[in-house]
Amino acid sequence: MIFIVVKFEVKDEYAERWPEIVADFTAATRQEPGNKWFDWSRSLDNPNEYVLVEAFEDDAAEAHVKSEHFTAMTEKFPPYLVRTPRIISRQIDGDGWDEMGEVTVEG
């Protein structure tokens, strides 16, 4: 599985609208064959930072970066951003989320 985390620092004037700005890109990516998840979160420390956590089957990530909506994103997003997004992209063993061993919820 390809596991990816990307941090987007959004300009102050667009921070509240960011989910709307990325909505079409998010929907298109979630529909791609091989996409396991594509989830946005907002930083608790910096309200202008959004964190994207995504995963693809091993052979699906390349198709993602060659997709029409990905290409459009590379042109559309920069005017809204403070700086180039920061990324961690790794191939890892596994097929999805595991339960955390240190915290157990009964019920």
PDB file of N, CA and C in Angstrom:
ATOM      1  N   MET A   1       0.852  -1.171   0.000  1.00  0.00           N
ATOM      2  CA  MET A   1       0.000   0.000   0.000  1.00  0.00           C
ATOM      3  C   MET A   1       0.899   1.235   0.000  1.00  0.00           C
ATOM      4  N   ILE A   2       0.489   2.255  -0.747  1.00  0.00           N
ATOM      5  CA  ILE A   2       1.176   3.540  -0.737  1.00  0.00           C
ATOM      6  C   ILE A   2       0.432   4.438   0.251  1.00  0.00           C
ATOM      7  N   PHE A   3       1.149   4.896   1.269  1.00  0.00           N
ATOM      8  CA  PHE A   3       0.578   5.738   2.327  1.00  0.00           C
ATOM      9  C   PHE A   3       1.172   7.132   2.195  1.00  0.00           C
ATOM     10  N   ILE A   4       0.314   8.151   2.136  1.00  0.00           N
ATOM     11  CA  ILE A   4       0.756   9.514   1.855  1.00  0.00           C
ATOM     12  C   ILE A   4       0.131  10.481   2.859  1.00  0.00           C
ATOM     13  N   VAL A   5       0.952  11.387   3.365  1.00  0.00           N
ATOM     14  CA  VAL A   5       0.474  12.480   4.210  1.00  0.00           C
ATOM     15  C   VAL A   5       1.017  13.768   3.610  1.00  0.00           C
ATOM     16  N   VAL A   6       0.124  14.740   3.388  1.00  0.00           N
ATOM     17  CA  VAL A   6       0.527  16.013   2.799  1.00  0.00           C
ATOM     18  C   VAL A   6      -0.013  17.146   3.665  1.00  0.00           C
ATOM     19  N   LYS A   7       0.854  18.121   3.958  1.00  0.00           N
ATOM     20  CA  LYS A   7       0.446  19.306   4.718  1.00  0.00           C
ATOM     21  C   LYS A   7       0.343  20.489   3.768  1.00  0.00           C
ATOM     22  N   PHE A   8      -0.827  21.125   3.766  1.00  0.00           N
ATOM     23  CA  PHE A   8      -1.092  22.294   2.928  1.00  0.00           C
ATOM     24  C   PHE A   8      -1.270  23.504   3.840  1.00  0.00           C
ATOM     25  N   GLU A   9      -0.402  24.509   3.704  1.00  0.00           N
ATOM     26  CA  GLU A   9      -0.578  25.748   4.457  1.00  0.00           C
ATOM     27  C   GLU A   9      -1.301  26.744   3.559  1.00  0.00           C
ATOM     28  N   VAL A  10      -2.545  27.036   3.933  1.00  0.00           N
ATOM     29  CA  VAL A  10      -3.445  27.850   3.118  1.00  0.00           C
ATOM     30  C   VAL A  10      -3.354  29.312   3.548  1.00  0.00           C
ATOM     31  N   LYS A  11      -3.409  30.215   2.571  1.00  0.00           N
ATOM     32  CA  LYS A  11      -3.427  31.644   2.890  1.00  0.00           C
ATOM     33  C   LYS A  11      -4.620  31.948   3.784  1.00  0.00           C
ATOM     34  N   ASP A  12      -4.415  32.871   4.700  1.00  0.00           N
ATOM     35  CA  ASP A  12      -5.418  33.200   5.709  1.00  0.00           C
ATOM     36  C   ASP A  12      -6.802  33.459   5.114  1.00  0.00           C
ATOM     37  N   GLU A  13      -6.847  34.191   4.024  1.00  0.00           N
ATOM     38  CA  GLU A  13      -8.146  34.570   3.451  1.00  0.00           C
ATOM     39  C   GLU A  13      -8.900  33.400   2.814  1.00  0.00           C
ATOM     40  N   TYR A  14      -8.231  32.254   2.642  1.00  0.00           N
ATOM     41  CA  TYR A  14      -8.877  31.081   2.048  1.00  0.00           C
ATOM     42  C   TYR A  14      -9.056  29.916   3.028  1.00  0.00           C
ATOM     43  N   ALA A  15      -8.570  30.059   4.236  1.00  0.00           N
ATOM     44  CA  ALA A  15      -8.561  28.936   5.182  1.00  0.00           C
ATOM     45  C   ALA A  15      -9.952  28.379   5.461  1.00  0.00           C
ATOM     46  N   GLU A  16     -10.929  29.219   5.630  1.00  0.00           N
ATOM     47  CA  GLU A  16     -12.280  28.733   5.924  1.00  0.00           C
ATOM     48  C   GLU A  16     -12.927  28.073   4.708  1.00  0.00           C
ATOM     49  N   ARG A  17     -12.534  28.473   3.524  1.00  0.00           N
ATOM     50  CA  ARG A  17     -13.119  27.952   2.286  1.00  0.00           C
ATOM     51  C   ARG A  17     -12.372  26.750   1.721  1.00  0.00           C
ATOM     52  N   TRP A  18     -11.246  26.372   2.320  1.00  0.00           N
ATOM     53  CA  TRP A  18     -10.420  25.308   1.752  1.00  0.00           C
ATOM     54  C   TRP A  18     -11.206  24.031   1.464  1.00  0.00           C
ATOM     55  N   PRO A  19     -12.053  23.534   2.377  1.00  0.00           N
ATOM     56  CA  PRO A  19     -12.812  22.316   2.048  1.00  0.00           C
ATOM     57  C   PRO A  19     -13.661  22.468   0.776  1.00  0.00           C
ATOM     58  N   GLU A  20     -14.214  23.634   0.563  1.00  0.00           N
ATOM     59  CA  GLU A  20     -14.993  23.898  -0.655  1.00  0.00           C
ATOM     60  C   GLU A  20     -14.079  23.954  -1.883  1.00  0.00           C
ATOM     61  N   ILE A  21     -12.909  24.571  -1.743  1.00  0.00           N
ATOM     62  CA  ILE A  21     -11.956  24.708  -2.850  1.00  0.00           C
ATOM     63  C   ILE A  21     -11.480  23.339  -3.329  1.00  0.00           C
ATOM     64  N   VAL A  22     -11.283  22.396  -2.409  1.00  0.00           N
ATOM     65  CA  VAL A  22     -10.746  21.077  -2.766  1.00  0.00           C
ATOM     66  C   VAL A  22     -11.832  20.019  -2.971  1.00  0.00           C
ATOM     67  N   ALA A  23     -13.084  20.397  -2.888  1.00  0.00           N
ATOM     68  CA  ALA A  23     -14.186  19.427  -2.923  1.00  0.00           C
ATOM     69  C   ALA A  23     -14.211  18.586  -4.202  1.00  0.00           C
ATOM     70  N   ASP A  24     -14.075  19.188  -5.357  1.00  0.00           N
ATOM     71  CA  ASP A  24     -14.120  18.423  -6.606  1.00  0.00           C
ATOM     72  C   ASP A  24     -12.932  17.470  -6.718  1.00  0.00           C
ATOM     73  N   PHE A  25     -11.747  17.952  -6.353  1.00  0.00           N
ATOM     74  CA  PHE A  25     -10.549  17.118  -6.372  1.00  0.00           C
ATOM     75  C   PHE A  25     -10.698  15.937  -5.408  1.00  0.00           C
ATOM     76  N   THR A  26     -11.229  16.214  -4.232  1.00  0.00           N
ATOM     77  CA  THR A  26     -11.433  15.163  -3.229  1.00  0.00           C
ATOM     78  C   THR A  26     -12.402  14.109  -3.748  1.00  0.00           C
ATOM     79  N   ALA A  27     -13.531  14.541  -4.273  1.00  0.00           N
ATOM     80  CA  ALA A  27     -14.545  13.600  -4.776  1.00  0.00           C
ATOM     81  C   ALA A  27     -13.992  12.750  -5.913  1.00  0.00           C
ATOM     82  N   ALA A  28     -13.286  13.362  -6.833  1.00  0.00           N
ATOM     83  CA  ALA A  28     -12.731  12.622  -7.974  1.00  0.00           C
ATOM     84  C   ALA A  28     -11.695  11.598  -7.512  1.00  0.00           C
ATOM     85  N   THR A  29     -10.848  11.981  -6.571  1.00  0.00           N
ATOM     86  CA  THR A  29      -9.819  11.058  -6.092  1.00  0.00           C
ATOM     87  C   THR A  29     -10.439   9.884  -5.348  1.00  0.00           C
ATOM     88  N   ARG A  30     -11.450  10.149  -4.538  1.00  0.00           N
ATOM     89  CA  ARG A  30     -12.107   9.065  -3.788  1.00  0.00           C
ATOM     90  C   ARG A  30     -12.770   8.047  -4.714  1.00  0.00           C
ATOM     91  N   GLN A  31     -13.085   8.436  -5.931  1.00  0.00           N
ATOM     92  CA  GLN A  31     -13.719   7.529  -6.889  1.00  0.00           C
ATOM     93  C   GLN A  31     -12.715   6.742  -7.722  1.00  0.00           C
ATOM     94  N   GLU A  32     -11.442   7.047  -7.600  1.00  0.00           N
ATOM     95  CA  GLU A  32     -10.433   6.355  -8.391  1.00  0.00           C
ATOM     96  C   GLU A  32     -10.318   4.885  -7.986  1.00  0.00           C
ATOM     97  N   PRO A  33     -10.164   3.999  -8.961  1.00  0.00           N
ATOM     98  CA  PRO A  33      -9.874   2.609  -8.623  1.00  0.00           C
ATOM     99  C   PRO A  33      -8.561   2.548  -7.840  1.00  0.00           C
ATOM    100  N   GLY A  34      -8.543   1.783  -6.773  1.00  0.00           N
ATOM    101  CA  GLY A  34      -7.331   1.631  -5.985  1.00  0.00           C
ATOM    102  C   GLY A  34      -7.160   2.639  -4.865  1.00  0.00           C
ATOM    103  N   ASN A  35      -8.040   3.653  -4.791  1.00  0.00           N
ATOM    104  CA  ASN A  35      -7.970   4.588  -3.671  1.00  0.00           C
ATOM    105  C   ASN A  35      -8.563   3.928  -2.439  1.00  0.00           C
ATOM    106  N   LYS A  36      -7.817   3.894  -1.360  1.00  0.00           N
ATOM    107  CA  LYS A  36      -8.290   3.288  -0.118  1.00  0.00           C
ATOM    108  C   LYS A  36      -8.968   4.327   0.776  1.00  0.00           C
ATOM    109  N   TRP A  37      -8.359   5.490   0.913  1.00  0.00           N
ATOM    110  CA  TRP A  37      -8.987   6.600   1.617  1.00  0.00           C
ATOM    111  C   TRP A  37      -8.307   7.893   1.223  1.00  0.00           C
ATOM    112  N   PHE A  38      -9.000   8.981   1.470  1.00  0.00           N
ATOM    113  CA  PHE A  38      -8.541  10.315   1.100  1.00  0.00           C
ATOM    114  C   PHE A  38      -9.218  11.274   2.064  1.00  0.00           C
ATOM    115  N   ASP A  39      -8.565  11.560   3.195  1.00  0.00           N
ATOM    116  CA  ASP A  39      -9.202  12.267   4.308  1.00  0.00           C
ATOM    117  C   ASP A  39      -8.454  13.545   4.678  1.00  0.00           C
ATOM    118  N   TRP A  40      -9.198  14.630   4.767  1.00  0.00           N
ATOM    119  CA  TRP A  40      -8.656  15.922   5.182  1.00  0.00           C
ATOM    120  C   TRP A  40      -8.906  16.149   6.663  1.00  0.00           C
ATOM    121  N   SER A  41      -7.940  16.774   7.334  1.00  0.00           N
ATOM    122  CA  SER A  41      -8.088  17.228   8.718  1.00  0.00           C
ATOM    123  C   SER A  41      -7.483  18.625   8.803  1.00  0.00           C
ATOM    124  N   ARG A  42      -7.923  19.347   9.824  1.00  0.00           N
ATOM    125  CA  ARG A  42      -7.395  20.693  10.044  1.00  0.00           C
ATOM    126  C   ARG A  42      -6.518  20.674  11.293  1.00  0.00           C
ATOM    127  N   SER A  43      -5.377  21.289  11.219  1.00  0.00           N
ATOM    128  CA  SER A  43      -4.444  21.323  12.339  1.00  0.00           C
ATOM    129  C   SER A  43      -5.063  22.036  13.547  1.00  0.00           C
ATOM    130  N   LEU A  44      -4.812  21.502  14.727  1.00  0.00           N
ATOM    131  CA  LEU A  44      -5.242  22.162  15.960  1.00  0.00           C
ATOM    132  C   LEU A  44      -4.306  23.307  16.327  1.00  0.00           C
ATOM    133  N   ASP A  45      -3.065  23.250  15.847  1.00  0.00           N
ATOM    134  CA  ASP A  45      -2.061  24.259  16.177  1.00  0.00           C
ATOM    135  C   ASP A  45      -2.026  25.423  15.197  1.00  0.00           C
ATOM    136  N   ASN A  46      -2.386  25.169  13.952  1.00  0.00           N
ATOM    137  CA  ASN A  46      -2.353  26.199  12.919  1.00  0.00           C
ATOM    138  C   ASN A  46      -3.641  26.094  12.098  1.00  0.00           C
ATOM    139  N   PRO A  47      -4.603  26.975  12.323  1.00  0.00           N
ATOM    140  CA  PRO A  47      -5.891  26.870  11.622  1.00  0.00           C
ATOM    141  C   PRO A  47      -5.803  27.059  10.120  1.00  0.00           C
ATOM    142  N   ASN A  48      -4.639  27.472   9.614  1.00  0.00           N
ATOM    143  CA  ASN A  48      -4.459  27.610   8.172  1.00  0.00           C
ATOM    144  C   ASN A  48      -3.800  26.387   7.556  1.00  0.00           C
ATOM    145  N   GLU A  49      -3.534  25.364   8.364  1.00  0.00           N
ATOM    146  CA  GLU A  49      -2.889  24.161   7.851  1.00  0.00           C
ATOM    147  C   GLU A  49      -3.894  23.007   7.791  1.00  0.00           C
ATOM    148  N   TYR A  50      -3.979  22.406   6.614  1.00  0.00           N
ATOM    149  CA  TYR A  50      -4.809  21.224   6.412  1.00  0.00           C
ATOM    150  C   TYR A  50      -3.901  20.042   6.123  1.00  0.00           C
ATOM    151  N   VAL A  51      -4.248  18.901   6.692  1.00  0.00           N
ATOM    152  CA  VAL A  51      -3.446  17.693   6.534  1.00  0.00           C
ATOM    153  C   VAL A  51      -4.279  16.668   5.767  1.00  0.00           C
ATOM    154  N   LEU A  52      -3.715  16.175   4.702  1.00  0.00           N
ATOM    155  CA  LEU A  52      -4.366  15.166   3.873  1.00  0.00           C
ATOM    156  C   LEU A  52      -3.704  13.819   4.132  1.00  0.00           C
ATOM    157  N   VAL A  53      -4.509  12.831   4.506  1.00  0.00           N
ATOM    158  CA  VAL A  53      -4.017  11.465   4.703  1.00  0.00           C
ATOM    159  C   VAL A  53      -4.704  10.617   3.641  1.00  0.00           C
ATOM    160  N   GLU A  54      -3.882   9.962   2.816  1.00  0.00           N
ATOM    161  CA  GLU A  54      -4.440   9.193   1.708  1.00  0.00           C
ATOM    162  C   GLU A  54      -3.678   7.886   1.541  1.00  0.00           C
ATOM    163  N   ALA A  55      -4.330   6.928   0.919  1.00  0.00           N
ATOM    164  CA  ALA A  55      -3.681   5.648   0.655  1.00  0.00           C
ATOM    165  C   ALA A  55      -4.234   5.075  -0.644  1.00  0.00           C
ATOM    166  N   PHE A  56      -3.339   4.362  -1.330  1.00  0.00           N
ATOM    167  CA  PHE A  56      -3.683   3.724  -2.591  1.00  0.00           C
ATOM    168  C   PHE A  56      -3.127   2.311  -2.610  1.00  0.00           C
ATOM    169  N   GLU A  57      -3.784   1.438  -3.355  1.00  0.00           N
ATOM    170  CA  GLU A  57      -3.183   0.146  -3.632  1.00  0.00           C
ATOM    171  C   GLU A  57      -1.873   0.412  -4.358  1.00  0.00           C
ATOM    172  N   ASP A  58      -0.916  -0.481  -4.220  1.00  0.00           N
ATOM    173  CA  ASP A  58       0.437  -0.264  -4.750  1.00  0.00           C
ATOM    174  C   ASP A  58       0.469   0.211  -6.192  1.00  0.00           C
ATOM    175  N   ASP A  59      -0.383  -0.324  -7.031  1.00  0.00           N
ATOM    176  CA  ASP A  59      -0.327   0.003  -8.452  1.00  0.00           C
ATOM    177  C   ASP A  59      -1.252   1.159  -8.848  1.00  0.00           C
ATOM    178  N   ALA A  60      -1.903   1.801  -7.887  1.00  0.00           N
ATOM    179  CA  ALA A  60      -2.882   2.846  -8.216  1.00  0.00           C
ATOM    180  C   ALA A  60      -2.353   4.264  -8.050  1.00  0.00           C
ATOM    181  N   ALA A  61      -1.281   4.456  -7.314  1.00  0.00           N
ATOM    182  CA  ALA A  61      -0.784   5.809  -7.054  1.00  0.00           C
ATOM    183  C   ALA A  61      -0.288   6.492  -8.332  1.00  0.00           C
ATOM    184  N   GLU A  62       0.346   5.734  -9.206  1.00  0.00           N
ATOM    185  CA  GLU A  62       0.852   6.320 -10.450  1.00  0.00           C
ATOM    186  C   GLU A  62      -0.300   6.842 -11.314  1.00  0.00           C
ATOM    187  N   ALA A  63      -1.381   6.080 -11.391  1.00  0.00           N
ATOM    188  CA  ALA A  63      -2.547   6.535 -12.160  1.00  0.00           C
ATOM    189  C   ALA A  63      -3.130   7.806 -11.542  1.00  0.00           C
ATOM    190  N   HIS A  64      -3.083   7.901 -10.227  1.00  0.00           N
ATOM    191  CA  HIS A  64      -3.605   9.086  -9.540  1.00  0.00           C
ATOM    192  C   HIS A  64      -2.863  10.346  -9.981  1.00  0.00           C
ATOM    193  N   VAL A  65      -1.533  10.305  -9.968  1.00  0.00           N
ATOM    194  CA  VAL A  65      -0.771  11.515 -10.324  1.00  0.00           C
ATOM    195  C   VAL A  65      -0.828  11.827 -11.817  1.00  0.00           C
ATOM    196  N   LYS A  66      -1.307  10.890 -12.615  1.00  0.00           N
ATOM    197  CA  LYS A  66      -1.474  11.138 -14.057  1.00  0.00           C
ATOM    198  C   LYS A  66      -2.923  11.473 -14.425  1.00  0.00           C
ATOM    199  N   SER A  67      -3.803  11.515 -13.434  1.00  0.00           N
ATOM    200  CA  SER A  67      -5.218  11.765 -13.710  1.00  0.00           C
ATOM    201  C   SER A  67      -5.463  13.226 -14.087  1.00  0.00           C
ATOM    202  N   GLU A  68      -6.565  13.456 -14.759  1.00  0.00           N
ATOM    203  CA  GLU A  68      -6.933  14.805 -15.189  1.00  0.00           C
ATOM    204  C   GLU A  68      -7.145  15.722 -13.994  1.00  0.00           C
ATOM    205  N   HIS A  69      -7.828  15.223 -12.949  1.00  0.00           N
ATOM    206  CA  HIS A  69      -8.091  16.078 -11.790  1.00  0.00           C
ATOM    207  C   HIS A  69      -6.808  16.386 -11.008  1.00  0.00           C
ATOM    208  N   PHE A  70      -5.835  15.472 -10.995  1.00  0.00           N
ATOM    209  CA  PHE A  70      -4.562  15.756 -10.328  1.00  0.00           C
ATOM    210  C   PHE A  70      -3.804  16.842 -11.085  1.00  0.00           C
ATOM    211  N   THR A  71      -3.759  16.729 -12.382  1.00  0.00           N
ATOM    212  CA  THR A  71      -3.091  17.743 -13.208  1.00  0.00           C
ATOM    213  C   THR A  71      -3.742  19.106 -13.007  1.00  0.00           C
ATOM    214  N   ALA A  72      -5.072  19.138 -12.968  1.00  0.00           N
ATOM    215  CA  ALA A  72      -5.788  20.399 -12.746  1.00  0.00           C
ATOM    216  C   ALA A  72      -5.459  20.971 -11.364  1.00  0.00           C
ATOM    217  N   MET A  73      -5.326  20.096 -10.365  1.00  0.00           N
ATOM    218  CA  MET A  73      -5.014  20.526  -9.010  1.00  0.00           C
ATOM    219  C   MET A  73      -3.656  21.223  -8.954  1.00  0.00           C
ATOM    220  N   THR A  74      -2.678  20.715  -9.710  1.00  0.00           N
ATOM    221  CA  THR A  74      -1.338  21.307  -9.662  1.00  0.00           C
ATOM    222  C   THR A  74      -1.330  22.751 -10.174  1.00  0.00           C
ATOM    223  N   GLU A  75      -2.310  23.086 -10.978  1.00  0.00           N
ATOM    224  CA  GLU A  75      -2.431  24.451 -11.488  1.00  0.00           C
ATOM    225  C   GLU A  75      -3.375  25.300 -10.634  1.00  0.00           C
ATOM    226  N   LYS A  76      -4.406  24.668 -10.076  1.00  0.00           N
ATOM    227  CA  LYS A  76      -5.435  25.397  -9.331  1.00  0.00           C
ATOM    228  C   LYS A  76      -5.020  25.759  -7.907  1.00  0.00           C
ATOM    229  N   PHE A  77      -4.325  24.877  -7.204  1.00  0.00           N
ATOM    230  CA  PHE A  77      -4.075  25.075  -5.780  1.00  0.00           C
ATOM    231  C   PHE A  77      -3.037  26.144  -5.424  1.00  0.00           C
ATOM    232  N   PRO A  78      -1.930  26.288  -6.151  1.00  0.00           N
ATOM    233  CA  PRO A  78      -0.871  27.213  -5.706  1.00  0.00           C
ATOM    234  C   PRO A  78      -1.316  28.627  -5.330  1.00  0.00           C
ATOM    235  N   PRO A  79      -2.247  29.275  -6.035  1.00  0.00           N
ATOM    236  CA  PRO A  79      -2.629  30.636  -5.628  1.00  0.00           C
ATOM    237  C   PRO A  79      -3.256  30.721  -4.226  1.00  0.00           C
ATOM    238  N   TYR A  80      -3.747  29.608  -3.720  1.00  0.00           N
ATOM    239  CA  TYR A  80      -4.384  29.585  -2.406  1.00  0.00           C
ATOM    240  C   TYR A  80      -3.407  29.272  -1.269  1.00  0.00           C
ATOM    241  N   LEU A  81      -2.176  28.897  -1.605  1.00  0.00           N
ATOM    242  CA  LEU A  81      -1.235  28.368  -0.630  1.00  0.00           C
ATOM    243  C   LEU A  81      -0.130  29.363  -0.268  1.00  0.00           C
ATOM    244  N   VAL A  82       0.336  29.243   0.983  1.00  0.00           N
ATOM    245  CA  VAL A  82       1.449  30.046   1.473  1.00  0.00           C
ATOM    246  C   VAL A  82       2.763  29.533   0.910  1.00  0.00           C
ATOM    247  N   ARG A  83       2.891  28.208   0.809  1.00  0.00           N
ATOM    248  CA  ARG A  83       4.127  27.596   0.323  1.00  0.00           C
ATOM    249  C   ARG A  83       3.825  26.243  -0.305  1.00  0.00           C
ATOM    250  N   THR A  84       4.827  25.669  -0.898  1.00  0.00           N
ATOM    251  CA  THR A  84       4.701  24.344  -1.500  1.00  0.00           C
ATOM    252  C   THR A  84       4.312  23.339  -0.412  1.00  0.00           C
ATOM    253  N   PRO A  85       3.312  22.500  -0.667  1.00  0.00           N
ATOM    254  CA  PRO A  85       2.924  21.497   0.330  1.00  0.00           C
ATOM    255  C   PRO A  85       4.087  20.573   0.689  1.00  0.00           C
ATOM    256  N   ARG A  86       4.078  20.096   1.924  1.00  0.00           N
ATOM    257  CA  ARG A  86       5.087  19.149   2.413  1.00  0.00           C
ATOM    258  C   ARG A  86       4.468  17.758   2.416  1.00  0.00           C
ATOM    259  N   ILE A  87       5.242  16.747   2.027  1.00  0.00           N
ATOM    260  CA  ILE A  87       4.692  15.410   1.806  1.00  0.00           C
ATOM    261  C   ILE A  87       5.592  14.325   2.394  1.00  0.00           C
ATOM    262  N   ILE A  88       4.945  13.276   2.857  1.00  0.00           N
ATOM    263  CA  ILE A  88       5.594  11.998   3.161  1.00  0.00           C
ATOM    264  C   ILE A  88       4.840  10.962   2.349  1.00  0.00           C
ATOM    265  N   SER A  89       5.552  10.205   1.531  1.00  0.00           N
ATOM    266  CA  SER A  89       4.941   9.173   0.690  1.00  0.00           C
ATOM    267  C   SER A  89       5.785   7.910   0.812  1.00  0.00           C
ATOM    268  N   ARG A  90       5.172   6.838   1.310  1.00  0.00           N
ATOM    269  CA  ARG A  90       5.913   5.602   1.545  1.00  0.00           C
ATOM    270  C   ARG A  90       5.087   4.391   1.145  1.00  0.00           C
ATOM    271  N   GLN A  91       5.771   3.395   0.663  1.00  0.00           N
ATOM    272  CA  GLN A  91       5.136   2.098   0.458  1.00  0.00           C
ATOM    273  C   GLN A  91       5.276   1.348   1.779  1.00  0.00           C
ATOM    274  N   ILE A  92       4.155   0.851   2.282  1.00  0.00           N
ATOM    275  CA  ILE A  92       4.172   0.153   3.558  1.00  0.00           C
ATOM    276  C   ILE A  92       3.433  -1.171   3.441  1.00  0.00           C
ATOM    277  N   ASP A  93       3.745  -2.084   4.340  1.00  0.00           N
ATOM    278  CA  ASP A  93       3.013  -3.340   4.410  1.00  0.00           C
ATOM    279  C   ASP A  93       1.635  -3.066   4.998  1.00  0.00           C
ATOM    280  N   GLY A  94       0.680  -3.846   4.600  1.00  0.00           N
ATOM    281  CA  GLY A  94      -0.667  -3.700   5.145  1.00  0.00           C
ATOM    282  C   GLY A  94      -1.660  -3.364   4.058  1.00  0.00           C
ATOM    283  N   ASP A  95      -2.911  -3.403   4.457  1.00  0.00           N
ATOM    284  CA  ASP A  95      -3.995  -3.163   3.511  1.00  0.00           C
ATOM    285  C   ASP A  95      -5.014  -2.173   4.066  1.00  0.00           C
ATOM    286  N   GLY A  96      -4.724  -1.598   5.220  1.00  0.00           N
ATOM    287  CA  GLY A  96      -5.663  -0.664   5.824  1.00  0.00           C
ATOM    288  C   GLY A  96      -5.255  -0.331   7.250  1.00  0.00           C
ATOM    289  N   TRP A  97      -6.180   0.266   7.958  1.00  0.00           N
ATOM    290  CA  TRP A  97      -5.931   0.684   9.333  1.00  0.00           C
ATOM    291  C   TRP A  97      -5.968  -0.529  10.268  1.00  0.00           C
ATOM    292  N   ASP A  98      -5.060  -0.548  11.238  1.00  0.00           N
ATOM    293  CA  ASP A  98      -5.065  -1.557  12.296  1.00  0.00           C
ATOM    294  C   ASP A  98      -5.560  -0.907  13.574  1.00  0.00           C
ATOM    295  N   GLU A  99      -6.018  -1.718  14.516  1.00  0.00           N
ATOM    296  CA  GLU A  99      -6.396  -1.184  15.827  1.00  0.00           C
ATOM    297  C   GLU A  99      -5.150  -0.847  16.620  1.00  0.00           C
ATOM    298  N   MET A 100      -5.217   0.214  17.412  1.00  0.00           N
ATOM    299  CA  MET A 100      -4.113   0.626  18.251  1.00  0.00           C
ATOM    300  C   MET A 100      -4.019  -0.306  19.465  1.00  0.00           C
ATOM    301  N   GLY A 101      -2.877  -0.916  19.652  1.00  0.00           N
ATOM    302  CA  GLY A 101      -2.712  -1.870  20.745  1.00  0.00           C
ATOM    303  C   GLY A 101      -2.677  -1.251  22.120  1.00  0.00           C
ATOM    304  N   GLU A 102      -2.259   0.005  22.238  1.00  0.00           N
ATOM    305  CA  GLU A 102      -2.094   0.645  23.532  1.00  0.00           C
ATOM    306  C   GLU A 102      -3.387   1.198  24.119  1.00  0.00           C
ATOM    307  N   VAL A 103      -4.408   1.354  23.304  1.00  0.00           N
ATOM    308  CA  VAL A 103      -5.692   1.885  23.782  1.00  0.00           C
ATOM    309  C   VAL A 103      -6.790   0.954  23.317  1.00  0.00           C
ATOM    310  N   THR A 104      -7.553   0.435  24.287  1.00  0.00           N
ATOM    311  CA  THR A 104      -8.643  -0.479  23.969  1.00  0.00           C
ATOM    312  C   THR A 104      -9.957   0.129  24.424  1.00  0.00           C
ATOM    313  N   VAL A 105     -10.940   0.116  23.559  1.00  0.00           N
ATOM    314  CA  VAL A 105     -12.271   0.619  23.897  1.00  0.00           C
ATOM    315  C   VAL A 105     -13.202  -0.578  23.963  1.00  0.00           C
ATOM    316  N   GLU A 106     -13.825  -0.772  25.096  1.00  0.00           N
ATOM    317  CA  GLU A 106     -14.775  -1.881  25.289  1.00  0.00           C
ATOM    318  C   GLU A 106     -16.178  -1.376  25.022  1.00  0.00           C
ATOM    319  N   GLY A 107     -16.990  -2.225  24.428  1.00  0.00           N
ATOM    320  CA  GLY A 107     -18.393  -1.839  24.273  1.00  0.00           C
ATOM    321  C   GLY A 107     -18.924  -1.881  22.946  1.00  0.00           C
TER     322      GLY A 107
END
